[in-house]
């Protein structure tokens, strides 16, 4: 997959969560597409504080919540570092772990909300 694939699915999800889900129905591999920073769509949407889209990817497409970008950050550590309390709560409820092998910093260390 290419950066263009990641751009395509992110554009669709930003246009409409339903449009993004339809594209994922047609091309399920796009769920794991990576941006130039190694972010999955779930990472990117977390950084942008798009809770509805994050929920859709996790609940309808089984997006992996315990994955790392090229900087060793998980969606949970990104949400905690940015102070997105609702996203942190949601990701924890969806099975996100505080520490993942290869993670650069623990979520608690990176957090601005504790």
PDB file of N, CA and C in Angstrom:
ATOM      1  N   UNK A   1       0.831  -1.189   0.000  1.00  0.00           N
ATOM      2  CA  UNK A   1       0.000   0.000   0.000  1.00  0.00           C
ATOM      3  C   UNK A   1       0.874   1.250   0.000  1.00  0.00           C
ATOM      4  N   UNK A   2       0.325   2.293  -0.516  1.00  0.00           N
ATOM      5  CA  UNK A   2       1.082   3.527  -0.658  1.00  0.00           C
ATOM      6  C   UNK A   2       0.493   4.627   0.218  1.00  0.00           C
ATOM      7  N   UNK A   3       1.233   5.721   0.336  1.00  0.00           N
ATOM      8  CA  UNK A   3       0.745   6.905   1.037  1.00  0.00           C
ATOM      9  C   UNK A   3      -0.538   7.415   0.378  1.00  0.00           C
ATOM     10  N   UNK A   4      -0.625   7.259  -0.937  1.00  0.00           N
ATOM     11  CA  UNK A   4      -1.822   7.686  -1.665  1.00  0.00           C
ATOM     12  C   UNK A   4      -3.053   6.899  -1.223  1.00  0.00           C
ATOM     13  N   UNK A   5      -2.861   5.615  -0.908  1.00  0.00           N
ATOM     14  CA  UNK A   5      -3.968   4.805  -0.394  1.00  0.00           C
ATOM     15  C   UNK A   5      -4.453   5.368   0.940  1.00  0.00           C
ATOM     16  N   UNK A   6      -3.514   5.736   1.802  1.00  0.00           N
ATOM     17  CA  UNK A   6      -3.879   6.330   3.091  1.00  0.00           C
ATOM     18  C   UNK A   6      -4.604   7.648   2.870  1.00  0.00           C
ATOM     19  N   UNK A   7      -4.108   8.455   1.970  1.00  0.00           N
ATOM     20  CA  UNK A   7      -4.763   9.735   1.676  1.00  0.00           C
ATOM     21  C   UNK A   7      -6.192   9.521   1.184  1.00  0.00           C
ATOM     22  N   UNK A   8      -6.378   8.514   0.357  1.00  0.00           N
ATOM     23  CA  UNK A   8      -7.695   8.236  -0.213  1.00  0.00           C
ATOM     24  C   UNK A   8      -8.721   7.859   0.859  1.00  0.00           C
ATOM     25  N   UNK A   9      -8.331   6.952   1.766  1.00  0.00           N
ATOM     26  CA  UNK A   9      -9.280   6.541   2.799  1.00  0.00           C
ATOM     27  C   UNK A   9      -9.516   7.673   3.789  1.00  0.00           C
ATOM     28  N   UNK A  10      -8.498   8.450   4.083  1.00  0.00           N
ATOM     29  CA  UNK A  10      -8.687   9.570   5.016  1.00  0.00           C
ATOM     30  C   UNK A  10      -9.590  10.643   4.414  1.00  0.00           C
ATOM     31  N   UNK A  11      -9.421  10.937   3.135  1.00  0.00           N
ATOM     32  CA  UNK A  11     -10.325  11.900   2.477  1.00  0.00           C
ATOM     33  C   UNK A  11     -11.767  11.423   2.555  1.00  0.00           C
ATOM     34  N   UNK A  12     -11.964  10.138   2.302  1.00  0.00           N
ATOM     35  CA  UNK A  12     -13.329   9.589   2.339  1.00  0.00           C
ATOM     36  C   UNK A  12     -13.901   9.688   3.750  1.00  0.00           C
ATOM     37  N   UNK A  13     -13.110   9.359   4.768  1.00  0.00           N
ATOM     38  CA  UNK A  13     -13.596   9.411   6.146  1.00  0.00           C
ATOM     39  C   UNK A  13     -13.865  10.836   6.604  1.00  0.00           C
ATOM     40  N   UNK A  14     -13.085  11.788   6.116  1.00  0.00           N
ATOM     41  CA  UNK A  14     -13.313  13.185   6.480  1.00  0.00           C
ATOM     42  C   UNK A  14     -14.522  13.766   5.747  1.00  0.00           C
ATOM     43  N   UNK A  15     -14.791  13.277   4.543  1.00  0.00           N
ATOM     44  CA  UNK A  15     -15.977  13.718   3.810  1.00  0.00           C
ATOM     45  C   UNK A  15     -17.225  13.245   4.537  1.00  0.00           C
ATOM     46  N   UNK A  16     -17.213  11.975   4.897  1.00  0.00           N
ATOM     47  CA  UNK A  16     -18.349  11.366   5.596  1.00  0.00           C
ATOM     48  C   UNK A  16     -17.885  10.017   6.136  1.00  0.00           C
ATOM     49  N   UNK A  17     -18.214   9.746   7.382  1.00  0.00           N
ATOM     50  CA  UNK A  17     -17.850   8.449   7.947  1.00  0.00           C
ATOM     51  C   UNK A  17     -18.469   7.339   7.101  1.00  0.00           C
ATOM     52  N   UNK A  18     -19.700   7.525   6.658  1.00  0.00           N
ATOM     53  CA  UNK A  18     -20.343   6.506   5.822  1.00  0.00           C
ATOM     54  C   UNK A  18     -19.617   6.303   4.500  1.00  0.00           C
ATOM     55  N   UNK A  19     -19.130   7.389   3.895  1.00  0.00           N
ATOM     56  CA  UNK A  19     -18.351   7.252   2.659  1.00  0.00           C
ATOM     57  C   UNK A  19     -17.082   6.440   2.914  1.00  0.00           C
ATOM     58  N   UNK A  20     -16.435   6.721   4.026  1.00  0.00           N
ATOM     59  CA  UNK A  20     -15.229   5.975   4.382  1.00  0.00           C
ATOM     60  C   UNK A  20     -15.512   4.502   4.608  1.00  0.00           C
ATOM     61  N   UNK A  21     -16.604   4.209   5.287  1.00  0.00           N
ATOM     62  CA  UNK A  21     -16.970   2.809   5.528  1.00  0.00           C
ATOM     63  C   UNK A  21     -17.299   2.087   4.223  1.00  0.00           C
ATOM     64  N   UNK A  22     -17.953   2.783   3.299  1.00  0.00           N
ATOM     65  CA  UNK A  22     -18.252   2.183   1.992  1.00  0.00           C
ATOM     66  C   UNK A  22     -16.966   1.866   1.229  1.00  0.00           C
ATOM     67  N   UNK A  23     -16.013   2.796   1.286  1.00  0.00           N
ATOM     68  CA  UNK A  23     -14.741   2.548   0.619  1.00  0.00           C
ATOM     69  C   UNK A  23     -14.030   1.353   1.262  1.00  0.00           C
ATOM     70  N   UNK A  24     -14.100   1.251   2.581  1.00  0.00           N
ATOM     71  CA  UNK A  24     -13.488   0.110   3.265  1.00  0.00           C
ATOM     72  C   UNK A  24     -14.203  -1.203   2.948  1.00  0.00           C
ATOM     73  N   UNK A  25     -15.504  -1.138   2.705  1.00  0.00           N
ATOM     74  CA  UNK A  25     -16.223  -2.341   2.261  1.00  0.00           C
ATOM     75  C   UNK A  25     -15.664  -2.823   0.926  1.00  0.00           C
ATOM     76  N   UNK A  26     -15.401  -1.884   0.037  1.00  0.00           N
ATOM     77  CA  UNK A  26     -14.895  -2.222  -1.295  1.00  0.00           C
ATOM     78  C   UNK A  26     -13.410  -2.583  -1.269  1.00  0.00           C
ATOM     79  N   UNK A  27     -12.652  -1.917  -0.384  1.00  0.00           N
ATOM     80  CA  UNK A  27     -11.199  -2.119  -0.325  1.00  0.00           C
ATOM     81  C   UNK A  27     -10.761  -2.244   1.135  1.00  0.00           C
ATOM     82  N   UNK A  28     -11.028  -3.382   1.777  1.00  0.00           N
ATOM     83  CA  UNK A  28     -10.758  -3.531   3.205  1.00  0.00           C
ATOM     84  C   UNK A  28      -9.295  -3.350   3.599  1.00  0.00           C
ATOM     85  N   UNK A  29      -8.387  -3.562   2.672  1.00  0.00           N
ATOM     86  CA  UNK A  29      -6.961  -3.397   2.979  1.00  0.00           C
ATOM     87  C   UNK A  29      -6.610  -1.956   3.347  1.00  0.00           C
ATOM     88  N   UNK A  30      -7.441  -0.996   2.968  1.00  0.00           N
ATOM     89  CA  UNK A  30      -7.174   0.410   3.273  1.00  0.00           C
ATOM     90  C   UNK A  30      -7.224   0.700   4.770  1.00  0.00           C
ATOM     91  N   UNK A  31      -7.830  -0.189   5.543  1.00  0.00           N
ATOM     92  CA  UNK A  31      -7.868  -0.017   6.994  1.00  0.00           C
ATOM     93  C   UNK A  31      -6.466   0.030   7.577  1.00  0.00           C
ATOM     94  N   UNK A  32      -5.516  -0.627   6.916  1.00  0.00           N
ATOM     95  CA  UNK A  32      -4.129  -0.671   7.399  1.00  0.00           C
ATOM     96  C   UNK A  32      -3.176   0.184   6.582  1.00  0.00           C
ATOM     97  N   UNK A  33      -3.711   1.040   5.730  1.00  0.00           N
ATOM     98  CA  UNK A  33      -2.859   1.946   4.951  1.00  0.00           C
ATOM     99  C   UNK A  33      -2.127   2.877   5.915  1.00  0.00           C
ATOM    100  N   UNK A  34      -0.932   3.284   5.564  1.00  0.00           N
ATOM    101  CA  UNK A  34      -0.113   4.142   6.430  1.00  0.00           C
ATOM    102  C   UNK A  34       0.224   5.454   5.733  1.00  0.00           C
ATOM    103  N   UNK A  35       0.150   6.533   6.509  1.00  0.00           N
ATOM    104  CA  UNK A  35       0.560   7.849   6.007  1.00  0.00           C
ATOM    105  C   UNK A  35       2.082   7.901   5.949  1.00  0.00           C
ATOM    106  N   UNK A  36       2.601   9.024   5.532  1.00  0.00           N
ATOM    107  CA  UNK A  36       4.050   9.211   5.505  1.00  0.00           C
ATOM    108  C   UNK A  36       4.691   9.157   6.880  1.00  0.00           C
ATOM    109  N   UNK A  37       3.886   9.288   7.939  1.00  0.00           N
ATOM    110  CA  UNK A  37       4.383   9.203   9.320  1.00  0.00           C
ATOM    111  C   UNK A  37       4.101   7.829   9.934  1.00  0.00           C
ATOM    112  N   UNK A  38       3.642   6.910   9.103  1.00  0.00           N
ATOM    113  CA  UNK A  38       3.349   5.567   9.587  1.00  0.00           C
ATOM    114  C   UNK A  38       2.062   5.468  10.378  1.00  0.00           C
ATOM    115  N   UNK A  39       1.179   6.433  10.202  1.00  0.00           N
ATOM    116  CA  UNK A  39      -0.084   6.424  10.920  1.00  0.00           C
ATOM    117  C   UNK A  39      -1.131   5.635  10.144  1.00  0.00           C
ATOM    118  N   UNK A  40      -1.852   4.783  10.852  1.00  0.00           N
ATOM    119  CA  UNK A  40      -3.015   4.128  10.274  1.00  0.00           C
ATOM    120  C   UNK A  40      -4.150   5.153  10.254  1.00  0.00           C
ATOM    121  N   UNK A  41      -5.245   4.863   9.538  1.00  0.00           N
ATOM    122  CA  UNK A  41      -6.389   5.770   9.618  1.00  0.00           C
ATOM    123  C   UNK A  41      -6.842   6.003  11.068  1.00  0.00           C
ATOM    124  N   UNK A  42      -6.768   4.965  11.905  1.00  0.00           N
ATOM    125  CA  UNK A  42      -7.161   5.121  13.305  1.00  0.00           C
ATOM    126  C   UNK A  42      -6.259   6.121  14.028  1.00  0.00           C
ATOM    127  N   UNK A  43      -4.950   6.037  13.813  1.00  0.00           N
ATOM    128  CA  UNK A  43      -4.033   7.016  14.401  1.00  0.00           C
ATOM    129  C   UNK A  43      -4.407   8.433  13.975  1.00  0.00           C
ATOM    130  N   UNK A  44      -4.541   8.599  12.674  1.00  0.00           N
ATOM    131  CA  UNK A  44      -4.775   9.930  12.117  1.00  0.00           C
ATOM    132  C   UNK A  44      -6.071  10.536  12.649  1.00  0.00           C
ATOM    133  N   UNK A  45      -7.121   9.741  12.659  1.00  0.00           N
ATOM    134  CA  UNK A  45      -8.409  10.235  13.153  1.00  0.00           C
ATOM    135  C   UNK A  45      -8.366  10.532  14.642  1.00  0.00           C
ATOM    136  N   UNK A  46      -7.569   9.785  15.374  1.00  0.00           N
ATOM    137  CA  UNK A  46      -7.393  10.065  16.808  1.00  0.00           C
ATOM    138  C   UNK A  46      -6.717  11.412  16.997  1.00  0.00           C
ATOM    139  N   UNK A  47      -5.646  11.654  16.272  1.00  0.00           N
ATOM    140  CA  UNK A  47      -4.921  12.930  16.382  1.00  0.00           C
ATOM    141  C   UNK A  47      -5.843  14.098  16.031  1.00  0.00           C
ATOM    142  N   UNK A  48      -6.759  13.880  15.104  1.00  0.00           N
ATOM    143  CA  UNK A  48      -7.691  14.927  14.686  1.00  0.00           C
ATOM    144  C   UNK A  48      -8.942  14.997  15.568  1.00  0.00           C
ATOM    145  N   UNK A  49      -9.001  14.176  16.619  1.00  0.00           N
ATOM    146  CA  UNK A  49     -10.116  14.169  17.582  1.00  0.00           C
ATOM    147  C   UNK A  49     -11.450  13.878  16.909  1.00  0.00           C
ATOM    148  N   UNK A  50     -11.462  12.863  16.071  1.00  0.00           N
ATOM    149  CA  UNK A  50     -12.669  12.469  15.327  1.00  0.00           C
ATOM    150  C   UNK A  50     -13.272  11.203  15.950  1.00  0.00           C
ATOM    151  N   UNK A  51     -13.890  11.375  17.106  1.00  0.00           N
ATOM    152  CA  UNK A  51     -14.406  10.257  17.890  1.00  0.00           C
ATOM    153  C   UNK A  51     -15.390   9.396  17.102  1.00  0.00           C
ATOM    154  N   UNK A  52     -16.318  10.000  16.387  1.00  0.00           N
ATOM    155  CA  UNK A  52     -17.308   9.226  15.622  1.00  0.00           C
ATOM    156  C   UNK A  52     -16.624   8.306  14.610  1.00  0.00           C
ATOM    157  N   UNK A  53     -15.646   8.828  13.913  1.00  0.00           N
ATOM    158  CA  UNK A  53     -14.937   8.035  12.908  1.00  0.00           C
ATOM    159  C   UNK A  53     -14.095   6.941  13.570  1.00  0.00           C
ATOM    160  N   UNK A  54     -13.458   7.261  14.690  1.00  0.00           N
ATOM    161  CA  UNK A  54     -12.683   6.264  15.426  1.00  0.00           C
ATOM    162  C   UNK A  54     -13.601   5.115  15.852  1.00  0.00           C
ATOM    163  N   UNK A  55     -14.745   5.452  16.423  1.00  0.00           N
ATOM    164  CA  UNK A  55     -15.703   4.416  16.835  1.00  0.00           C
ATOM    165  C   UNK A  55     -16.124   3.550  15.650  1.00  0.00           C
ATOM    166  N   UNK A  56     -16.387   4.164  14.521  1.00  0.00           N
ATOM    167  CA  UNK A  56     -16.817   3.411  13.338  1.00  0.00           C
ATOM    168  C   UNK A  56     -15.733   2.429  12.902  1.00  0.00           C
ATOM    169  N   UNK A  57     -14.477   2.863  12.892  1.00  0.00           N
ATOM    170  CA  UNK A  57     -13.399   1.973  12.461  1.00  0.00           C
ATOM    171  C   UNK A  57     -13.222   0.808  13.428  1.00  0.00           C
ATOM    172  N   UNK A  58     -13.321   1.092  14.713  1.00  0.00           N
ATOM    173  CA  UNK A  58     -13.120   0.039  15.712  1.00  0.00           C
ATOM    174  C   UNK A  58     -14.319  -0.911  15.743  1.00  0.00           C
ATOM    175  N   UNK A  59     -15.509  -0.367  15.789  1.00  0.00           N
ATOM    176  CA  UNK A  59     -16.705  -1.183  15.981  1.00  0.00           C
ATOM    177  C   UNK A  59     -17.193  -1.870  14.714  1.00  0.00           C
ATOM    178  N   UNK A  60     -17.027  -1.229  13.573  1.00  0.00           N
ATOM    179  CA  UNK A  60     -17.553  -1.797  12.334  1.00  0.00           C
ATOM    180  C   UNK A  60     -16.494  -2.464  11.470  1.00  0.00           C
ATOM    181  N   UNK A  61     -15.235  -2.077  11.660  1.00  0.00           N
ATOM    182  CA  UNK A  61     -14.174  -2.618  10.804  1.00  0.00           C
ATOM    183  C   UNK A  61     -13.061  -3.293  11.591  1.00  0.00           C
ATOM    184  N   UNK A  62     -13.231  -3.393  12.907  1.00  0.00           N
ATOM    185  CA  UNK A  62     -12.244  -4.060  13.764  1.00  0.00           C
ATOM    186  C   UNK A  62     -10.832  -3.492  13.624  1.00  0.00           C
ATOM    187  N   UNK A  63     -10.734  -2.178  13.544  1.00  0.00           N
ATOM    188  CA  UNK A  63      -9.416  -1.538  13.465  1.00  0.00           C
ATOM    189  C   UNK A  63      -8.605  -1.891  14.704  1.00  0.00           C
ATOM    190  N   UNK A  64      -7.342  -2.158  14.512  1.00  0.00           N
ATOM    191  CA  UNK A  64      -6.431  -2.528  15.594  1.00  0.00           C
ATOM    192  C   UNK A  64      -6.099  -1.303  16.437  1.00  0.00           C
ATOM    193  N   UNK A  65      -6.485  -1.330  17.716  1.00  0.00           N
ATOM    194  CA  UNK A  65      -6.236  -0.184  18.596  1.00  0.00           C
ATOM    195  C   UNK A  65      -4.838  -0.210  19.187  1.00  0.00           C
ATOM    196  N   UNK A  66      -4.177  -1.352  19.157  1.00  0.00           N
ATOM    197  CA  UNK A  66      -2.837  -1.475  19.736  1.00  0.00           C
ATOM    198  C   UNK A  66      -1.788  -1.580  18.641  1.00  0.00           C
ATOM    199  N   UNK A  67      -1.651  -0.502  17.901  1.00  0.00           N
ATOM    200  CA  UNK A  67      -0.679  -0.424  16.818  1.00  0.00           C
ATOM    201  C   UNK A  67       0.152   0.836  17.020  1.00  0.00           C
ATOM    202  N   UNK A  68       1.345   0.838  16.461  1.00  0.00           N
ATOM    203  CA  UNK A  68       2.258   1.972  16.635  1.00  0.00           C
ATOM    204  C   UNK A  68       2.540   2.651  15.308  1.00  0.00           C
ATOM    205  N   UNK A  69       2.727   3.979  15.363  1.00  0.00           N
ATOM    206  CA  UNK A  69       3.167   4.706  14.170  1.00  0.00           C
ATOM    207  C   UNK A  69       4.693   4.691  14.122  1.00  0.00           C
ATOM    208  N   UNK A  70       5.282   5.396  13.182  1.00  0.00           N
ATOM    209  CA  UNK A  70       6.745   5.394  13.020  1.00  0.00           C
ATOM    210  C   UNK A  70       7.482   6.022  14.195  1.00  0.00           C
ATOM    211  N   UNK A  71       6.778   6.738  15.057  1.00  0.00           N
ATOM    212  CA  UNK A  71       7.392   7.383  16.212  1.00  0.00           C
ATOM    213  C   UNK A  71       7.196   6.583  17.492  1.00  0.00           C
ATOM    214  N   UNK A  72       6.605   5.394  17.371  1.00  0.00           N
ATOM    215  CA  UNK A  72       6.378   4.540  18.527  1.00  0.00           C
ATOM    216  C   UNK A  72       5.200   4.962  19.378  1.00  0.00           C
ATOM    217  N   UNK A  73       4.236   5.660  18.774  1.00  0.00           N
ATOM    218  CA  UNK A  73       3.047   6.105  19.505  1.00  0.00           C
ATOM    219  C   UNK A  73       1.821   5.324  19.050  1.00  0.00           C
ATOM    220  N   UNK A  74       0.988   4.975  20.007  1.00  0.00           N
ATOM    221  CA  UNK A  74      -0.263   4.293  19.718  1.00  0.00           C
ATOM    222  C   UNK A  74      -1.385   5.329  19.613  1.00  0.00           C
ATOM    223  N   UNK A  75      -2.540   4.934  19.089  1.00  0.00           N
ATOM    224  CA  UNK A  75      -3.669   5.861  19.112  1.00  0.00           C
ATOM    225  C   UNK A  75      -3.978   6.343  20.543  1.00  0.00           C
ATOM    226  N   UNK A  76      -3.894   5.438  21.519  1.00  0.00           N
ATOM    227  CA  UNK A  76      -4.155   5.823  22.906  1.00  0.00           C
ATOM    228  C   UNK A  76      -3.136   6.838  23.404  1.00  0.00           C
ATOM    229  N   UNK A  77      -1.867   6.622  23.122  1.00  0.00           N
ATOM    230  CA  UNK A  77      -0.861   7.582  23.599  1.00  0.00           C
ATOM    231  C   UNK A  77      -1.011   8.930  22.906  1.00  0.00           C
ATOM    232  N   UNK A  78      -1.436   8.920  21.641  1.00  0.00           N
ATOM    233  CA  UNK A  78      -1.682  10.187  20.943  1.00  0.00           C
ATOM    234  C   UNK A  78      -2.853  10.930  21.593  1.00  0.00           C
ATOM    235  N   UNK A  79      -3.953  10.218  21.848  1.00  0.00           N
ATOM    236  CA  UNK A  79      -5.127  10.840  22.464  1.00  0.00           C
ATOM    237  C   UNK A  79      -4.787  11.377  23.853  1.00  0.00           C
ATOM    238  N   UNK A  80      -4.052  10.615  24.632  1.00  0.00           N
ATOM    239  CA  UNK A  80      -3.675  11.051  25.980  1.00  0.00           C
ATOM    240  C   UNK A  80      -2.742  12.255  25.925  1.00  0.00           C
ATOM    241  N   UNK A  81      -1.794  12.226  25.006  1.00  0.00           N
ATOM    242  CA  UNK A  81      -0.850  13.329  24.871  1.00  0.00           C
ATOM    243  C   UNK A  81      -1.504  14.627  24.434  1.00  0.00           C
ATOM    244  N   UNK A  82      -2.608  14.509  23.716  1.00  0.00           N
ATOM    245  CA  UNK A  82      -3.322  15.694  23.241  1.00  0.00           C
ATOM    246  C   UNK A  82      -4.457  16.111  24.171  1.00  0.00           C
ATOM    247  N   UNK A  83      -4.679  15.333  25.215  1.00  0.00           N
ATOM    248  CA  UNK A  83      -5.708  15.682  26.196  1.00  0.00           C
ATOM    249  C   UNK A  83      -7.130  15.368  25.759  1.00  0.00           C
ATOM    250  N   UNK A  84      -7.308  14.413  24.862  1.00  0.00           N
ATOM    251  CA  UNK A  84      -8.632  14.048  24.364  1.00  0.00           C
ATOM    252  C   UNK A  84      -9.265  13.004  25.290  1.00  0.00           C
ATOM    253  N   UNK A  85      -9.880  13.455  26.350  1.00  0.00           N
ATOM    254  CA  UNK A  85     -10.393  12.584  27.400  1.00  0.00           C
ATOM    255  C   UNK A  85     -11.394  11.566  26.876  1.00  0.00           C
ATOM    256  N   UNK A  86     -12.350  12.000  26.067  1.00  0.00           N
ATOM    257  CA  UNK A  86     -13.361  11.071  25.556  1.00  0.00           C
ATOM    258  C   UNK A  86     -12.745   9.989  24.675  1.00  0.00           C
ATOM    259  N   UNK A  87     -11.783  10.365  23.864  1.00  0.00           N
ATOM    260  CA  UNK A  87     -11.105   9.362  23.034  1.00  0.00           C
ATOM    261  C   UNK A  87     -10.312   8.393  23.897  1.00  0.00           C
ATOM    262  N   UNK A  88      -9.649   8.890  24.925  1.00  0.00           N
ATOM    263  CA  UNK A  88      -8.905   8.014  25.829  1.00  0.00           C
ATOM    264  C   UNK A  88      -9.859   7.009  26.462  1.00  0.00           C
ATOM    265  N   UNK A  89     -10.961   7.494  26.980  1.00  0.00           N
ATOM    266  CA  UNK A  89     -11.947   6.589  27.597  1.00  0.00           C
ATOM    267  C   UNK A  89     -12.433   5.550  26.590  1.00  0.00           C
ATOM    268  N   UNK A  90     -12.760   6.007  25.407  1.00  0.00           N
ATOM    269  CA  UNK A  90     -13.261   5.084  24.405  1.00  0.00           C
ATOM    270  C   UNK A  90     -12.210   4.030  24.051  1.00  0.00           C
ATOM    271  N   UNK A  91     -10.991   4.458  23.763  1.00  0.00           N
ATOM    272  CA  UNK A  91      -9.944   3.517  23.362  1.00  0.00           C
ATOM    273  C   UNK A  91      -9.633   2.515  24.466  1.00  0.00           C
ATOM    274  N   UNK A  92      -9.601   2.968  25.706  1.00  0.00           N
ATOM    275  CA  UNK A  92      -9.390   2.035  26.816  1.00  0.00           C
ATOM    276  C   UNK A  92     -10.511   1.006  26.867  1.00  0.00           C
ATOM    277  N   UNK A  93     -11.743   1.454  26.692  1.00  0.00           N
ATOM    278  CA  UNK A  93     -12.887   0.549  26.674  1.00  0.00           C
ATOM    279  C   UNK A  93     -12.854  -0.418  25.502  1.00  0.00           C
ATOM    280  N   UNK A  94     -12.185  -0.023  24.432  1.00  0.00           N
ATOM    281  CA  UNK A  94     -12.080  -0.859  23.235  1.00  0.00           C
ATOM    282  C   UNK A  94     -10.876  -1.796  23.294  1.00  0.00           C
ATOM    283  N   UNK A  95     -10.169  -1.794  24.426  1.00  0.00           N
ATOM    284  CA  UNK A  95      -9.058  -2.730  24.586  1.00  0.00           C
ATOM    285  C   UNK A  95      -7.668  -2.169  24.370  1.00  0.00           C
ATOM    286  N   UNK A  96      -7.549  -0.862  24.227  1.00  0.00           N
ATOM    287  CA  UNK A  96      -6.224  -0.271  24.053  1.00  0.00           C
ATOM    288  C   UNK A  96      -5.387  -0.493  25.315  1.00  0.00           C
ATOM    289  N   UNK A  97      -4.136  -0.831  25.131  1.00  0.00           N
ATOM    290  CA  UNK A  97      -3.219  -1.106  26.240  1.00  0.00           C
ATOM    291  C   UNK A  97      -2.381   0.131  26.544  1.00  0.00           C
ATOM    292  N   UNK A  98      -2.010   0.264  27.812  1.00  0.00           N
ATOM    293  CA  UNK A  98      -1.172   1.388  28.215  1.00  0.00           C
ATOM    294  C   UNK A  98       0.237   1.264  27.654  1.00  0.00           C
ATOM    295  N   UNK A  99       0.714   0.057  27.515  1.00  0.00           N
ATOM    296  CA  UNK A  99       2.057  -0.178  26.982  1.00  0.00           C
ATOM    297  C   UNK A  99       2.004  -1.294  25.948  1.00  0.00           C
ATOM    298  N   UNK A 100       2.661  -1.045  24.829  1.00  0.00           N
ATOM    299  CA  UNK A 100       2.748  -2.008  23.735  1.00  0.00           C
ATOM    300  C   UNK A 100       4.232  -2.219  23.457  1.00  0.00           C
ATOM    301  N   UNK A 101       4.677  -3.449  23.223  1.00  0.00           N
ATOM    302  CA  UNK A 101       6.079  -3.651  22.877  1.00  0.00           C
ATOM    303  C   UNK A 101       6.501  -2.739  21.722  1.00  0.00           C
ATOM    304  N   UNK A 102       7.595  -2.045  21.895  1.00  0.00           N
ATOM    305  CA  UNK A 102       8.105  -1.123  20.890  1.00  0.00           C
ATOM    306  C   UNK A 102       7.624   0.302  21.061  1.00  0.00           C
ATOM    307  N   UNK A 103       6.728   0.508  22.013  1.00  0.00           N
ATOM    308  CA  UNK A 103       6.199   1.853  22.249  1.00  0.00           C
ATOM    309  C   UNK A 103       7.297   2.736  22.828  1.00  0.00           C
ATOM    310  N   UNK A 104       7.384   3.968  22.345  1.00  0.00           N
ATOM    311  CA  UNK A 104       8.450   4.870  22.754  1.00  0.00           C
ATOM    312  C   UNK A 104       8.306   5.327  24.205  1.00  0.00           C
ATOM    313  N   UNK A 105       7.110   5.737  24.614  1.00  0.00           N
ATOM    314  CA  UNK A 105       6.854   6.184  25.977  1.00  0.00           C
ATOM    315  C   UNK A 105       5.559   5.558  26.454  1.00  0.00           C
ATOM    316  N   UNK A 106       5.454   5.367  27.756  1.00  0.00           N
ATOM    317  CA  UNK A 106       4.188   4.853  28.274  1.00  0.00           C
ATOM    318  C   UNK A 106       3.120   5.924  28.114  1.00  0.00           C
ATOM    319  N   UNK A 107       1.902   5.488  28.006  1.00  0.00           N
ATOM    320  CA  UNK A 107       0.776   6.410  27.859  1.00  0.00           C
ATOM    321  C   UNK A 107       0.718   7.352  29.049  1.00  0.00           C
ATOM    322  N   UNK A 108       0.937   6.842  30.239  1.00  0.00           N
ATOM    323  CA  UNK A 108       0.854   7.684  31.437  1.00  0.00           C
ATOM    324  C   UNK A 108       1.922   8.772  31.430  1.00  0.00           C
ATOM    325  N   UNK A 109       3.079   8.467  30.955  1.00  0.00           N
ATOM    326  CA  UNK A 109       4.170   9.450  30.906  1.00  0.00           C
ATOM    327  C   UNK A 109       3.876  10.550  29.880  1.00  0.00           C
ATOM    328  N   UNK A 110       3.235  10.176  28.791  1.00  0.00           N
ATOM    329  CA  UNK A 110       2.970  11.087  27.688  1.00  0.00           C
ATOM    330  C   UNK A 110       1.715  11.933  27.914  1.00  0.00           C
ATOM    331  N   UNK A 111       0.875  11.514  28.834  1.00  0.00           N
ATOM    332  CA  UNK A 111      -0.448  12.110  29.007  1.00  0.00           C
ATOM    333  C   UNK A 111      -0.424  13.519  29.559  1.00  0.00           C
ATOM    334  N   UNK A 112      -1.384  14.314  29.080  1.00  0.00           N
ATOM    335  CA  UNK A 112      -1.604  15.654  29.619  1.00  0.00           C
ATOM    336  C   UNK A 112      -2.879  15.703  30.449  1.00  0.00           C
ATOM    337  N   UNK A 113      -3.541  14.537  30.597  1.00  0.00           N
ATOM    338  CA  UNK A 113      -4.850  14.531  31.265  1.00  0.00           C
ATOM    339  C   UNK A 113      -4.837  13.886  32.630  1.00  0.00           C
ATOM    340  N   UNK A 114      -3.746  13.328  33.083  1.00  0.00           N
ATOM    341  CA  UNK A 114      -3.742  12.656  34.381  1.00  0.00           C
ATOM    342  C   UNK A 114      -3.447  13.625  35.440  1.00  0.00           C
TER     343      UNK A 114
END
